[in-house]
Amino acid sequence: MKATEYNQCVQLYADRLYRFAHSQLSDGMEAEDVVQLVFERLWKRHGSVDFKAAKSYLFTSVNRACIDVFRKRKTQRQAAEEMPATESMTFRDGLEDRQLIEEMLKKLNDRQKTLILLRDYEGYSYKEIAKLTELTESQVKINLFRARKKLQFFLTGSYS
């Protein structure tokens, strides 16, 4: 990959990568750090990364970096005092759809959240998601189905 292709990658994917990371992490600063780290890694490896594969490389890298952040958070949480895990969630009238979606995504486990974001927000195919997450297509479909059922339960209080 040439420097001009690298710059093109930054222009094409920086915003989408940030949205993807922010949706997973729910923290703008951490999302910025993750995206910057991933672009730094891409630059260090730009000689060995093909421009055509850059999008896949970037999203896979952001996904893995977010997993690292989750692990770091978990370690930090275990070191701190445990707070009660039960929270009652109340919704005000007029709560915007975006806020509702973000609250619901927080209820999913990391894998389910990643799959929902890649499929429903970024529009990746099952095959592409399987490649990015190192799952089989069947595992992607099953986990997406379960994630959507879980979201349905959170929204309606029942599975249909």
C-alpha atoms as a PDB file:
ATOM      1  CA  MET A   1       0.000   0.000   0.000  1.00  0.00           C
ATOM      2  CA  LYS A   2       1.321   3.403  -0.956  1.00  0.00           C
ATOM      3  CA  ALA A   3       1.091   6.542   1.184  1.00  0.00           C
ATOM      4  CA  THR A   4      -1.643   7.951  -1.054  1.00  0.00           C
ATOM      5  CA  GLU A   5      -3.675   4.755  -0.624  1.00  0.00           C
ATOM      6  CA  TYR A   6      -3.167   4.948   3.131  1.00  0.00           C
ATOM      7  CA  ASN A   7      -4.480   8.522   3.130  1.00  0.00           C
ATOM      8  CA  GLN A   8      -7.422   7.382   1.053  1.00  0.00           C
ATOM      9  CA  CYS A   9      -8.164   4.689   3.652  1.00  0.00           C
ATOM     10  CA  VAL A  10      -8.174   7.312   6.389  1.00  0.00           C
ATOM     11  CA  GLN A  11     -10.617   9.463   4.407  1.00  0.00           C
ATOM     12  CA  LEU A  12     -12.866   6.546   3.489  1.00  0.00           C
ATOM     13  CA  TYR A  13     -13.009   4.623   6.750  1.00  0.00           C
ATOM     14  CA  ALA A  14     -12.093   6.830   9.725  1.00  0.00           C
ATOM     15  CA  ASP A  15     -15.658   7.952  10.442  1.00  0.00           C
ATOM     16  CA  ARG A  16     -17.144   4.488   9.987  1.00  0.00           C
ATOM     17  CA  LEU A  17     -14.459   2.929  12.194  1.00  0.00           C
ATOM     18  CA  TYR A  18     -15.078   5.558  14.863  1.00  0.00           C
ATOM     19  CA  ARG A  19     -18.847   4.904  14.801  1.00  0.00           C
ATOM     20  CA  PHE A  20     -18.208   1.172  15.004  1.00  0.00           C
ATOM     21  CA  ALA A  21     -15.805   1.527  17.940  1.00  0.00           C
ATOM     22  CA  HIS A  22     -18.024   4.078  19.704  1.00  0.00           C
ATOM     23  CA  SER A  23     -21.066   1.838  19.343  1.00  0.00           C
ATOM     24  CA  GLN A  24     -19.171  -1.004  20.973  1.00  0.00           C
ATOM     25  CA  LEU A  25     -17.384   0.960  23.671  1.00  0.00           C
ATOM     26  CA  SER A  26     -19.927   3.717  24.403  1.00  0.00           C
ATOM     27  CA  ASP A  27     -17.018   6.052  25.046  1.00  0.00           C
ATOM     28  CA  GLY A  28     -15.933   8.629  22.497  1.00  0.00           C
ATOM     29  CA  MET A  29     -12.412   9.061  23.836  1.00  0.00           C
ATOM     30  CA  GLU A  30     -11.725   5.333  23.894  1.00  0.00           C
ATOM     31  CA  ALA A  31     -13.197   4.996  20.400  1.00  0.00           C
ATOM     32  CA  GLU A  32     -10.873   7.736  19.117  1.00  0.00           C
ATOM     33  CA  ASP A  33      -7.907   6.030  20.767  1.00  0.00           C
ATOM     34  CA  VAL A  34      -8.812   2.684  19.212  1.00  0.00           C
ATOM     35  CA  VAL A  35      -9.188   4.144  15.716  1.00  0.00           C
ATOM     36  CA  GLN A  36      -5.921   6.060  16.027  1.00  0.00           C
ATOM     37  CA  LEU A  37      -4.137   2.935  17.242  1.00  0.00           C
ATOM     38  CA  VAL A  38      -5.516   0.889  14.333  1.00  0.00           C
ATOM     39  CA  PHE A  39      -4.452   3.469  11.749  1.00  0.00           C
ATOM     40  CA  GLU A  40      -1.021   3.608  13.377  1.00  0.00           C
ATOM     41  CA  ARG A  41      -0.752  -0.178  13.062  1.00  0.00           C
ATOM     42  CA  LEU A  42      -1.874   0.010   9.446  1.00  0.00           C
ATOM     43  CA  TRP A  43       0.823   2.578   8.693  1.00  0.00           C
ATOM     44  CA  LYS A  44       3.482   0.384  10.299  1.00  0.00           C
ATOM     45  CA  ARG A  45       2.314  -2.522   8.120  1.00  0.00           C
ATOM     46  CA  HIS A  46       1.356  -0.537   5.028  1.00  0.00           C
ATOM     47  CA  GLY A  47       3.969  -2.322   2.953  1.00  0.00           C
ATOM     48  CA  SER A  48       2.384  -5.710   3.627  1.00  0.00           C
ATOM     49  CA  VAL A  49      -1.321  -4.758   3.540  1.00  0.00           C
ATOM     50  CA  ASP A  50      -3.028  -4.711   0.156  1.00  0.00           C
ATOM     51  CA  PHE A  51      -5.179  -1.638  -0.468  1.00  0.00           C
ATOM     52  CA  LYS A  52      -8.090  -3.869  -1.532  1.00  0.00           C
ATOM     53  CA  ALA A  53      -7.970  -5.695   1.808  1.00  0.00           C
ATOM     54  CA  ALA A  54      -7.564  -2.551   3.909  1.00  0.00           C
ATOM     55  CA  LYS A  55     -11.256  -2.198   4.833  1.00  0.00           C
ATOM     56  CA  SER A  56     -11.423  -5.737   6.170  1.00  0.00           C
ATOM     57  CA  TYR A  57      -8.079  -5.304   7.943  1.00  0.00           C
ATOM     58  CA  LEU A  58      -9.245  -2.073   9.596  1.00  0.00           C
ATOM     59  CA  PHE A  59     -12.605  -3.366  10.835  1.00  0.00           C
ATOM     60  CA  THR A  60     -11.039  -6.589  12.098  1.00  0.00           C
ATOM     61  CA  SER A  61      -8.371  -4.579  13.893  1.00  0.00           C
ATOM     62  CA  VAL A  62     -10.920  -2.238  15.483  1.00  0.00           C
ATOM     63  CA  ASN A  63     -13.000  -5.206  16.611  1.00  0.00           C
ATOM     64  CA  ARG A  64      -9.965  -6.828  18.236  1.00  0.00           C
ATOM     65  CA  ALA A  65      -8.864  -3.547  19.828  1.00  0.00           C
ATOM     66  CA  CYS A  66     -12.344  -3.132  21.319  1.00  0.00           C
ATOM     67  CA  ILE A  67     -12.134  -6.639  22.748  1.00  0.00           C
ATOM     68  CA  ASP A  68      -8.822  -5.637  24.344  1.00  0.00           C
ATOM     69  CA  VAL A  69     -10.520  -2.588  25.877  1.00  0.00           C
ATOM     70  CA  PHE A  70     -13.302  -4.805  27.261  1.00  0.00           C
ATOM     71  CA  ARG A  71     -10.710  -7.113  28.802  1.00  0.00           C
ATOM     72  CA  LYS A  72      -8.910  -4.150  30.335  1.00  0.00           C
ATOM     73  CA  ARG A  73     -12.179  -2.819  31.731  1.00  0.00           C
ATOM     74  CA  LYS A  74     -13.039  -6.227  33.178  1.00  0.00           C
ATOM     75  CA  THR A  75      -9.654  -6.440  34.873  1.00  0.00           C
ATOM     76  CA  GLN A  76     -10.075  -2.954  36.298  1.00  0.00           C
ATOM     77  CA  ARG A  77     -13.582  -3.767  37.490  1.00  0.00           C
ATOM     78  CA  GLN A  78     -12.382  -6.905  39.249  1.00  0.00           C
ATOM     79  CA  ALA A  79      -9.712  -4.899  41.033  1.00  0.00           C
ATOM     80  CA  ALA A  80     -12.262  -2.345  42.227  1.00  0.00           C
ATOM     81  CA  GLU A  81     -15.059  -3.035  44.627  1.00  0.00           C
ATOM     82  CA  GLU A  82     -18.031  -4.805  43.098  1.00  0.00           C
ATOM     83  CA  MET A  83     -21.104  -2.636  42.778  1.00  0.00           C
ATOM     84  CA  PRO A  84     -24.601  -4.117  42.649  1.00  0.00           C
ATOM     85  CA  ALA A  85     -25.179  -5.388  39.128  1.00  0.00           C
ATOM     86  CA  THR A  86     -28.923  -4.924  39.054  1.00  0.00           C
ATOM     87  CA  GLU A  87     -30.199  -1.703  37.624  1.00  0.00           C
ATOM     88  CA  SER A  88     -33.782  -0.938  36.887  1.00  0.00           C
ATOM     89  CA  MET A  89     -34.098   0.690  33.533  1.00  0.00           C
ATOM     90  CA  THR A  90     -36.827   3.245  33.099  1.00  0.00           C
ATOM     91  CA  PHE A  91     -37.676   5.053  29.911  1.00  0.00           C
ATOM     92  CA  ARG A  92     -39.043   8.553  29.757  1.00  0.00           C
ATOM     93  CA  ASP A  93     -41.629   9.538  27.216  1.00  0.00           C
ATOM     94  CA  GLY A  94     -39.913  11.031  24.193  1.00  0.00           C
ATOM     95  CA  LEU A  95     -36.680   9.081  24.588  1.00  0.00           C
ATOM     96  CA  GLU A  96     -35.015   9.215  21.211  1.00  0.00           C
ATOM     97  CA  ASP A  97     -34.653   6.025  19.205  1.00  0.00           C
ATOM     98  CA  ARG A  98     -30.865   6.349  19.146  1.00  0.00           C
ATOM     99  CA  GLN A  99     -30.649   6.451  22.935  1.00  0.00           C
ATOM    100  CA  LEU A 100     -32.969   3.473  23.206  1.00  0.00           C
ATOM    101  CA  ILE A 101     -30.876   1.482  20.761  1.00  0.00           C
ATOM    102  CA  GLU A 102     -27.669   2.345  22.628  1.00  0.00           C
ATOM    103  CA  GLU A 103     -29.225   1.232  25.915  1.00  0.00           C
ATOM    104  CA  MET A 104     -30.370  -2.034  24.366  1.00  0.00           C
ATOM    105  CA  LEU A 105     -26.960  -2.703  22.812  1.00  0.00           C
ATOM    106  CA  LYS A 106     -25.366  -2.323  26.252  1.00  0.00           C
ATOM    107  CA  LYS A 107     -27.463  -5.297  27.393  1.00  0.00           C
ATOM    108  CA  LEU A 108     -25.907  -7.617  24.795  1.00  0.00           C
ATOM    109  CA  ASN A 109     -22.666  -9.492  25.297  1.00  0.00           C
ATOM    110  CA  ASP A 110     -19.640  -8.294  23.330  1.00  0.00           C
ATOM    111  CA  ARG A 111     -19.961 -10.847  20.526  1.00  0.00           C
ATOM    112  CA  GLN A 112     -23.665 -10.177  19.992  1.00  0.00           C
ATOM    113  CA  LYS A 113     -23.122  -6.434  20.008  1.00  0.00           C
ATOM    114  CA  THR A 114     -20.316  -6.712  17.462  1.00  0.00           C
ATOM    115  CA  LEU A 115     -22.406  -8.879  15.151  1.00  0.00           C
ATOM    116  CA  ILE A 116     -25.426  -6.559  15.317  1.00  0.00           C
ATOM    117  CA  LEU A 117     -23.221  -3.549  14.566  1.00  0.00           C
ATOM    118  CA  LEU A 118     -21.440  -5.208  11.660  1.00  0.00           C
ATOM    119  CA  ARG A 119     -24.608  -6.598  10.072  1.00  0.00           C
ATOM    120  CA  ASP A 120     -27.283  -4.017  10.796  1.00  0.00           C
ATOM    121  CA  TYR A 121     -25.250  -0.819  11.034  1.00  0.00           C
ATOM    122  CA  GLU A 122     -22.346  -1.416   8.671  1.00  0.00           C
ATOM    123  CA  GLY A 123     -24.169  -3.706   6.237  1.00  0.00           C
ATOM    124  CA  TYR A 124     -21.623  -6.508   6.053  1.00  0.00           C
ATOM    125  CA  SER A 125     -22.681  -9.873   4.629  1.00  0.00           C
ATOM    126  CA  TYR A 126     -22.663 -12.990   6.795  1.00  0.00           C
ATOM    127  CA  LYS A 127     -19.580 -14.194   4.945  1.00  0.00           C
ATOM    128  CA  GLU A 128     -17.714 -10.928   5.567  1.00  0.00           C
ATOM    129  CA  ILE A 129     -18.705 -10.922   9.236  1.00  0.00           C
ATOM    130  CA  ALA A 130     -17.520 -14.513   9.590  1.00  0.00           C
ATOM    131  CA  LYS A 131     -14.145 -13.516   8.192  1.00  0.00           C
ATOM    132  CA  LEU A 132     -13.869 -10.401  10.390  1.00  0.00           C
ATOM    133  CA  THR A 133     -14.839 -12.175  13.614  1.00  0.00           C
ATOM    134  CA  GLU A 134     -13.208 -15.531  12.868  1.00  0.00           C
ATOM    135  CA  LEU A 135     -16.530 -17.361  13.274  1.00  0.00           C
ATOM    136  CA  THR A 136     -18.268 -19.643  10.833  1.00  0.00           C
ATOM    137  CA  GLU A 137     -21.202 -18.284   8.844  1.00  0.00           C
ATOM    138  CA  SER A 138     -23.489 -20.583  10.828  1.00  0.00           C
ATOM    139  CA  GLN A 139     -22.184 -19.221  14.115  1.00  0.00           C
ATOM    140  CA  VAL A 140     -22.718 -15.681  12.854  1.00  0.00           C
ATOM    141  CA  LYS A 141     -26.325 -16.429  11.886  1.00  0.00           C
ATOM    142  CA  ILE A 142     -27.085 -18.205  15.155  1.00  0.00           C
ATOM    143  CA  ASN A 143     -25.528 -15.487  17.290  1.00  0.00           C
ATOM    144  CA  LEU A 144     -27.307 -12.757  15.326  1.00  0.00           C
ATOM    145  CA  PHE A 145     -30.613 -14.559  15.749  1.00  0.00           C
ATOM    146  CA  ARG A 146     -30.064 -14.846  19.496  1.00  0.00           C
ATOM    147  CA  ALA A 147     -28.979 -11.214  19.771  1.00  0.00           C
ATOM    148  CA  ARG A 148     -32.080 -10.036  17.937  1.00  0.00           C
ATOM    149  CA  LYS A 149     -34.303 -12.220  20.122  1.00  0.00           C
ATOM    150  CA  LYS A 150     -32.622 -10.764  23.196  1.00  0.00           C
ATOM    151  CA  LEU A 151     -33.231  -7.224  21.913  1.00  0.00           C
ATOM    152  CA  GLN A 152     -36.837  -8.137  21.205  1.00  0.00           C
ATOM    153  CA  PHE A 153     -37.218  -9.412  24.750  1.00  0.00           C
ATOM    154  CA  PHE A 154     -35.733  -6.232  26.214  1.00  0.00           C
ATOM    155  CA  LEU A 155     -38.086  -4.089  24.125  1.00  0.00           C
ATOM    156  CA  THR A 156     -41.302  -6.062  24.547  1.00  0.00           C
ATOM    157  CA  GLY A 157     -40.708  -8.245  27.572  1.00  0.00           C
ATOM    158  CA  SER A 158     -41.420 -11.457  25.661  1.00  0.00           C
ATOM    159  CA  TYR A 159     -40.055 -13.699  22.961  1.00  0.00           C
ATOM    160  CA  SER A 160     -42.290 -14.230  19.948  1.00  0.00           C
END
